[in-house]
Amino acid sequence: MGKVGKGVTCSVQGCSNNAVRSLDSSKVKGSGLDIGSGKRAYLCEEHYKQWKKLSKQSKSDDLRLRYG
């Protein structure tokens, strides 16, 4: 059982919801979410959806530039 299963809270500043996902903090920092320091970023369902949307957008922009 990991930290998410034990009930760790979301890493985003000002959010106190329970986390549902754990990601590498370097991936999350590039998306614009304001997280604290550490190796792992714990995200609640709302912020995870927001991160997915932002990262999908940036990936498509990178592909467009690469294969333009």
PDB file of N, CA and C in Angstrom:
ATOM      1  N   MET A   1       0.847  -1.171   0.000  1.00  0.00           N
ATOM      2  CA  MET A   1       0.000   0.000   0.000  1.00  0.00           C
ATOM      3  C   MET A   1       0.891   1.232   0.000  1.00  0.00           C
ATOM      4  N   GLY A   2       0.650   2.118  -0.948  1.00  0.00           N
ATOM      5  CA  GLY A   2       1.449   3.322  -1.061  1.00  0.00           C
ATOM      6  C   GLY A   2       0.850   4.483  -0.297  1.00  0.00           C
ATOM      7  N   LYS A   3       1.431   5.652  -0.498  1.00  0.00           N
ATOM      8  CA  LYS A   3       0.973   6.836   0.221  1.00  0.00           C
ATOM      9  C   LYS A   3      -0.416   7.275  -0.219  1.00  0.00           C
ATOM     10  N   VAL A   4      -0.737   7.070  -1.496  1.00  0.00           N
ATOM     11  CA  VAL A   4      -2.062   7.450  -1.979  1.00  0.00           C
ATOM     12  C   VAL A   4      -3.122   6.604  -1.285  1.00  0.00           C
ATOM     13  N   GLY A   5      -2.857   5.325  -1.135  1.00  0.00           N
ATOM     14  CA  GLY A   5      -3.791   4.442  -0.452  1.00  0.00           C
ATOM     15  C   GLY A   5      -3.956   4.766   1.018  1.00  0.00           C
ATOM     16  N   LYS A   6      -2.937   5.356   1.602  1.00  0.00           N
ATOM     17  CA  LYS A   6      -2.996   5.712   3.023  1.00  0.00           C
ATOM     18  C   LYS A   6      -3.692   7.044   3.262  1.00  0.00           C
ATOM     19  N   GLY A   7      -3.935   7.815   2.193  1.00  0.00           N
ATOM     20  CA  GLY A   7      -4.704   9.051   2.339  1.00  0.00           C
ATOM     21  C   GLY A   7      -3.894  10.324   2.355  1.00  0.00           C
ATOM     22  N   VAL A   8      -2.828  10.416   1.574  1.00  0.00           N
ATOM     23  CA  VAL A   8      -2.053  11.648   1.495  1.00  0.00           C
ATOM     24  C   VAL A   8      -2.884  12.704   0.759  1.00  0.00           C
ATOM     25  N   THR A   9      -2.664  13.978   1.084  1.00  0.00           N
ATOM     26  CA  THR A   9      -3.432  15.056   0.461  1.00  0.00           C
ATOM     27  C   THR A   9      -2.749  15.541  -0.813  1.00  0.00           C
ATOM     28  N   CYS A  10      -3.470  16.304  -1.583  1.00  0.00           N
ATOM     29  CA  CYS A  10      -2.992  16.836  -2.860  1.00  0.00           C
ATOM     30  C   CYS A  10      -1.808  17.785  -2.625  1.00  0.00           C
ATOM     31  N   SER A  11      -0.831  17.749  -3.526  1.00  0.00           N
ATOM     32  CA  SER A  11       0.374  18.579  -3.399  1.00  0.00           C
ATOM     33  C   SER A  11       0.200  20.000  -3.910  1.00  0.00           C
ATOM     34  N   VAL A  12      -0.888  20.293  -4.592  1.00  0.00           N
ATOM     35  CA  VAL A  12      -1.112  21.628  -5.140  1.00  0.00           C
ATOM     36  C   VAL A  12      -1.398  22.585  -3.987  1.00  0.00           C
ATOM     37  N   GLN A  13      -0.774  23.764  -4.044  1.00  0.00           N
ATOM     38  CA  GLN A  13      -0.924  24.760  -2.991  1.00  0.00           C
ATOM     39  C   GLN A  13      -2.385  25.167  -2.850  1.00  0.00           C
ATOM     40  N   GLY A  14      -2.915  25.121  -1.638  1.00  0.00           N
ATOM     41  CA  GLY A  14      -4.279  25.534  -1.360  1.00  0.00           C
ATOM     42  C   GLY A  14      -5.323  24.447  -1.525  1.00  0.00           C
ATOM     43  N   CYS A  15      -4.933  23.240  -1.892  1.00  0.00           N
ATOM     44  CA  CYS A  15      -5.885  22.141  -2.076  1.00  0.00           C
ATOM     45  C   CYS A  15      -5.720  21.163  -0.910  1.00  0.00           C
ATOM     46  N   SER A  16      -6.842  20.743  -0.345  1.00  0.00           N
ATOM     47  CA  SER A  16      -6.781  19.820   0.785  1.00  0.00           C
ATOM     48  C   SER A  16      -7.522  18.520   0.509  1.00  0.00           C
ATOM     49  N   ASN A  17      -7.796  18.224  -0.774  1.00  0.00           N
ATOM     50  CA  ASN A  17      -8.470  16.978  -1.137  1.00  0.00           C
ATOM     51  C   ASN A  17      -7.505  15.806  -1.049  1.00  0.00           C
ATOM     52  N   ASN A  18      -8.043  14.590  -0.939  1.00  0.00           N
ATOM     53  CA  ASN A  18      -7.212  13.395  -0.935  1.00  0.00           C
ATOM     54  C   ASN A  18      -6.675  13.130  -2.334  1.00  0.00           C
ATOM     55  N   ALA A  19      -5.441  12.679  -2.415  1.00  0.00           N
ATOM     56  CA  ALA A  19      -4.796  12.404  -3.696  1.00  0.00           C
ATOM     57  C   ALA A  19      -5.292  11.084  -4.273  1.00  0.00           C
ATOM     58  N   VAL A  20      -5.366  11.028  -5.613  1.00  0.00           N
ATOM     59  CA  VAL A  20      -5.736   9.792  -6.303  1.00  0.00           C
ATOM     60  C   VAL A  20      -4.606   9.297  -7.198  1.00  0.00           C
ATOM     61  N   ARG A  21      -3.635  10.164  -7.501  1.00  0.00           N
ATOM     62  CA  ARG A  21      -2.506   9.800  -8.362  1.00  0.00           C
ATOM     63  C   ARG A  21      -1.208  10.347  -7.797  1.00  0.00           C
ATOM     64  N   SER A  22      -0.136   9.636  -8.113  1.00  0.00           N
ATOM     65  CA  SER A  22       1.203  10.061  -7.736  1.00  0.00           C
ATOM     66  C   SER A  22       2.045  10.122  -9.002  1.00  0.00           C
ATOM     67  N   LEU A  23       2.655  11.276  -9.257  1.00  0.00           N
ATOM     68  CA  LEU A  23       3.455  11.480 -10.466  1.00  0.00           C
ATOM     69  C   LEU A  23       4.828  12.030 -10.091  1.00  0.00           C
ATOM     70  N   ASP A  24       5.757  11.926 -11.026  1.00  0.00           N
ATOM     71  CA  ASP A  24       7.068  12.526 -10.849  1.00  0.00           C
ATOM     72  C   ASP A  24       6.897  14.041 -10.850  1.00  0.00           C
ATOM     73  N   SER A  25       7.493  14.716  -9.898  1.00  0.00           N
ATOM     74  CA  SER A  25       7.269  16.159  -9.753  1.00  0.00           C
ATOM     75  C   SER A  25       7.808  16.957 -10.938  1.00  0.00           C
ATOM     76  N   SER A  26       8.820  16.453 -11.641  1.00  0.00           N
ATOM     77  CA  SER A  26       9.351  17.187 -12.794  1.00  0.00           C
ATOM     78  C   SER A  26       8.332  17.253 -13.929  1.00  0.00           C
ATOM     79  N   LYS A  27       7.485  16.244 -14.062  1.00  0.00           N
ATOM     80  CA  LYS A  27       6.440  16.273 -15.088  1.00  0.00           C
ATOM     81  C   LYS A  27       5.368  17.292 -14.752  1.00  0.00           C
ATOM     82  N   VAL A  28       5.043  17.408 -13.486  1.00  0.00           N
ATOM     83  CA  VAL A  28       3.954  18.285 -13.067  1.00  0.00           C
ATOM     84  C   VAL A  28       4.398  19.740 -13.052  1.00  0.00           C
ATOM     85  N   LYS A  29       5.649  20.015 -12.704  1.00  0.00           N
ATOM     86  CA  LYS A  29       6.129  21.394 -12.624  1.00  0.00           C
ATOM     87  C   LYS A  29       6.085  22.091 -13.971  1.00  0.00           C
ATOM     88  N   GLY A  30       6.294  21.377 -15.055  1.00  0.00           N
ATOM     89  CA  GLY A  30       6.264  21.974 -16.382  1.00  0.00           C
ATOM     90  C   GLY A  30       4.879  22.342 -16.859  1.00  0.00           C
ATOM     91  N   SER A  31       3.851  21.860 -16.192  1.00  0.00           N
ATOM     92  CA  SER A  31       2.485  22.104 -16.650  1.00  0.00           C
ATOM     93  C   SER A  31       1.876  23.378 -16.089  1.00  0.00           C
ATOM     94  N   GLY A  32       2.495  23.979 -15.100  1.00  0.00           N
ATOM     95  CA  GLY A  32       1.980  25.218 -14.551  1.00  0.00           C
ATOM     96  C   GLY A  32       1.241  25.066 -13.236  1.00  0.00           C
ATOM     97  N   LEU A  33       1.066  23.854 -12.734  1.00  0.00           N
ATOM     98  CA  LEU A  33       0.433  23.665 -11.425  1.00  0.00           C
ATOM     99  C   LEU A  33       1.439  24.034 -10.341  1.00  0.00           C
ATOM    100  N   ASP A  34       0.980  24.718  -9.318  1.00  0.00           N
ATOM    101  CA  ASP A  34       1.845  25.182  -8.236  1.00  0.00           C
ATOM    102  C   ASP A  34       1.939  24.100  -7.155  1.00  0.00           C
ATOM    103  N   ILE A  35       3.003  23.291  -7.218  1.00  0.00           N
ATOM    104  CA  ILE A  35       3.192  22.225  -6.245  1.00  0.00           C
ATOM    105  C   ILE A  35       4.388  22.546  -5.368  1.00  0.00           C
ATOM    106  N   GLY A  36       4.472  21.895  -4.246  1.00  0.00           N
ATOM    107  CA  GLY A  36       5.603  22.065  -3.348  1.00  0.00           C
ATOM    108  C   GLY A  36       6.819  21.297  -3.855  1.00  0.00           C
ATOM    109  N   SER A  37       7.856  21.254  -3.060  1.00  0.00           N
ATOM    110  CA  SER A  37       9.070  20.547  -3.454  1.00  0.00           C
ATOM    111  C   SER A  37       8.957  19.075  -3.085  1.00  0.00           C
ATOM    112  N   GLY A  38       9.796  18.258  -3.681  1.00  0.00           N
ATOM    113  CA  GLY A  38       9.801  16.834  -3.412  1.00  0.00           C
ATOM    114  C   GLY A  38       9.940  16.042  -4.699  1.00  0.00           C
ATOM    115  N   LYS A  39      10.185  14.743  -4.560  1.00  0.00           N
ATOM    116  CA  LYS A  39      10.353  13.897  -5.733  1.00  0.00           C
ATOM    117  C   LYS A  39       9.026  13.530  -6.375  1.00  0.00           C
ATOM    118  N   ARG A  40       7.984  13.364  -5.554  1.00  0.00           N
ATOM    119  CA  ARG A  40       6.678  12.938  -6.047  1.00  0.00           C
ATOM    120  C   ARG A  40       5.665  14.060  -5.880  1.00  0.00           C
ATOM    121  N   ALA A  41       4.738  14.134  -6.811  1.00  0.00           N
ATOM    122  CA  ALA A  41       3.627  15.073  -6.717  1.00  0.00           C
ATOM    123  C   ALA A  41       2.350  14.252  -6.592  1.00  0.00           C
ATOM    124  N   TYR A  42       1.578  14.524  -5.578  1.00  0.00           N
ATOM    125  CA  TYR A  42       0.329  13.809  -5.342  1.00  0.00           C
ATOM    126  C   TYR A  42      -0.815  14.721  -5.770  1.00  0.00           C
ATOM    127  N   LEU A  43      -1.660  14.216  -6.678  1.00  0.00           N
ATOM    128  CA  LEU A  43      -2.726  15.033  -7.241  1.00  0.00           C
ATOM    129  C   LEU A  43      -4.096  14.443  -6.943  1.00  0.00           C
ATOM    130  N   CYS A  44      -5.053  15.323  -6.609  1.00  0.00           N
ATOM    131  CA  CYS A  44      -6.437  14.896  -6.445  1.00  0.00           C
ATOM    132  C   CYS A  44      -7.046  14.717  -7.840  1.00  0.00           C
ATOM    133  N   GLU A  45      -8.265  14.246  -7.893  1.00  0.00           N
ATOM    134  CA  GLU A  45      -8.898  13.948  -9.176  1.00  0.00           C
ATOM    135  C   GLU A  45      -9.045  15.204 -10.040  1.00  0.00           C
ATOM    136  N   GLU A  46      -9.417  16.313  -9.425  1.00  0.00           N
ATOM    137  CA  GLU A  46      -9.608  17.562 -10.164  1.00  0.00           C
ATOM    138  C   GLU A  46      -8.303  18.061 -10.781  1.00  0.00           C
ATOM    139  N   HIS A  47      -7.227  18.068  -9.997  1.00  0.00           N
ATOM    140  CA  HIS A  47      -5.944  18.559 -10.504  1.00  0.00           C
ATOM    141  C   HIS A  47      -5.297  17.562 -11.461  1.00  0.00           C
ATOM    142  N   TYR A  48      -5.581  16.273 -11.295  1.00  0.00           N
ATOM    143  CA  TYR A  48      -5.059  15.283 -12.231  1.00  0.00           C
ATOM    144  C   TYR A  48      -5.674  15.488 -13.615  1.00  0.00           C
ATOM    145  N   LYS A  49      -6.978  15.747 -13.658  1.00  0.00           N
ATOM    146  CA  LYS A  49      -7.639  16.017 -14.943  1.00  0.00           C
ATOM    147  C   LYS A  49      -7.076  17.279 -15.573  1.00  0.00           C
ATOM    148  N   GLN A  50      -6.840  18.299 -14.752  1.00  0.00           N
ATOM    149  CA  GLN A  50      -6.267  19.549 -15.247  1.00  0.00           C
ATOM    150  C   GLN A  50      -4.864  19.307 -15.792  1.00  0.00           C
ATOM    151  N   TRP A  51      -4.049  18.513 -15.091  1.00  0.00           N
ATOM    152  CA  TRP A  51      -2.701  18.208 -15.542  1.00  0.00           C
ATOM    153  C   TRP A  51      -2.724  17.431 -16.854  1.00  0.00           C
ATOM    154  N   LYS A  52      -3.638  16.454 -16.965  1.00  0.00           N
ATOM    155  CA  LYS A  52      -3.749  15.673 -18.193  1.00  0.00           C
ATOM    156  C   LYS A  52      -4.085  16.564 -19.378  1.00  0.00           C
ATOM    157  N   LYS A  53      -5.000  17.487 -19.194  1.00  0.00           N
ATOM    158  CA  LYS A  53      -5.406  18.386 -20.270  1.00  0.00           C
ATOM    159  C   LYS A  53      -4.240  19.283 -20.695  1.00  0.00           C
ATOM    160  N   LEU A  54      -3.511  19.822 -19.713  1.00  0.00           N
ATOM    161  CA  LEU A  54      -2.384  20.702 -20.022  1.00  0.00           C
ATOM    162  C   LEU A  54      -1.234  19.946 -20.678  1.00  0.00           C
ATOM    163  N   SER A  55      -0.962  18.736 -20.208  1.00  0.00           N
ATOM    164  CA  SER A  55       0.154  17.981 -20.780  1.00  0.00           C
ATOM    165  C   SER A  55      -0.194  17.478 -22.179  1.00  0.00           C
ATOM    166  N   LYS A  56      -1.452  17.144 -22.419  1.00  0.00           N
ATOM    167  CA  LYS A  56      -1.873  16.717 -23.750  1.00  0.00           C
ATOM    168  C   LYS A  56      -1.703  17.860 -24.740  1.00  0.00           C
ATOM    169  N   GLN A  57      -2.061  19.059 -24.310  1.00  0.00           N
ATOM    170  CA  GLN A  57      -1.923  20.239 -25.154  1.00  0.00           C
ATOM    171  C   GLN A  57      -0.461  20.506 -25.488  1.00  0.00           C
ATOM    172  N   SER A  58       0.420  20.411 -24.509  1.00  0.00           N
ATOM    173  CA  SER A  58       1.834  20.696 -24.755  1.00  0.00           C
ATOM    174  C   SER A  58       2.482  19.611 -25.610  1.00  0.00           C
ATOM    175  N   LYS A  59       2.050  18.354 -25.465  1.00  0.00           N
ATOM    176  CA  LYS A  59       2.580  17.286 -26.295  1.00  0.00           C
ATOM    177  C   LYS A  59       2.195  17.478 -27.756  1.00  0.00           C
ATOM    178  N   SER A  60       0.949  17.883 -27.996  1.00  0.00           N
ATOM    179  CA  SER A  60       0.524  18.101 -29.376  1.00  0.00           C
ATOM    180  C   SER A  60       1.256  19.291 -29.986  1.00  0.00           C
ATOM    181  N   ASP A  61       1.526  20.326 -29.189  1.00  0.00           N
ATOM    182  CA  ASP A  61       2.297  21.473 -29.680  1.00  0.00           C
ATOM    183  C   ASP A  61       3.713  21.059 -30.036  1.00  0.00           C
ATOM    184  N   ASP A  62       4.330  20.204 -29.225  1.00  0.00           N
ATOM    185  CA  ASP A  62       5.681  19.726 -29.508  1.00  0.00           C
ATOM    186  C   ASP A  62       5.727  18.919 -30.798  1.00  0.00           C
ATOM    187  N   LEU A  63       4.735  18.057 -30.989  1.00  0.00           N
ATOM    188  CA  LEU A  63       4.682  17.261 -32.207  1.00  0.00           C
ATOM    189  C   LEU A  63       4.474  18.133 -33.433  1.00  0.00           C
ATOM    190  N   ARG A  64       3.657  19.163 -33.296  1.00  0.00           N
ATOM    191  CA  ARG A  64       3.407  20.071 -34.410  1.00  0.00           C
ATOM    192  C   ARG A  64       4.678  20.790 -34.810  1.00  0.00           C
ATOM    193  N   LEU A  65       5.466  21.200 -33.826  1.00  0.00           N
ATOM    194  CA  LEU A  65       6.727  21.879 -34.125  1.00  0.00           C
ATOM    195  C   LEU A  65       7.741  20.931 -34.750  1.00  0.00           C
ATOM    196  N   ARG A  66       7.765  19.700 -34.254  1.00  0.00           N
ATOM    197  CA  ARG A  66       8.736  18.728 -34.729  1.00  0.00           C
ATOM    198  C   ARG A  66       8.466  18.307 -36.168  1.00  0.00           C
ATOM    199  N   TYR A  67       7.209  18.025 -36.487  1.00  0.00           N
ATOM    200  CA  TYR A  67       6.878  17.495 -37.809  1.00  0.00           C
ATOM    201  C   TYR A  67       6.217  18.533 -38.709  1.00  0.00           C
ATOM    202  N   GLY A  68       6.064  19.737 -38.227  1.00  0.00           N
ATOM    203  CA  GLY A  68       5.459  20.864 -38.819  1.00  0.00           C
ATOM    204  C   GLY A  68       5.096  20.929 -40.187  1.00  0.00           C
TER     205      GLY A  68
END
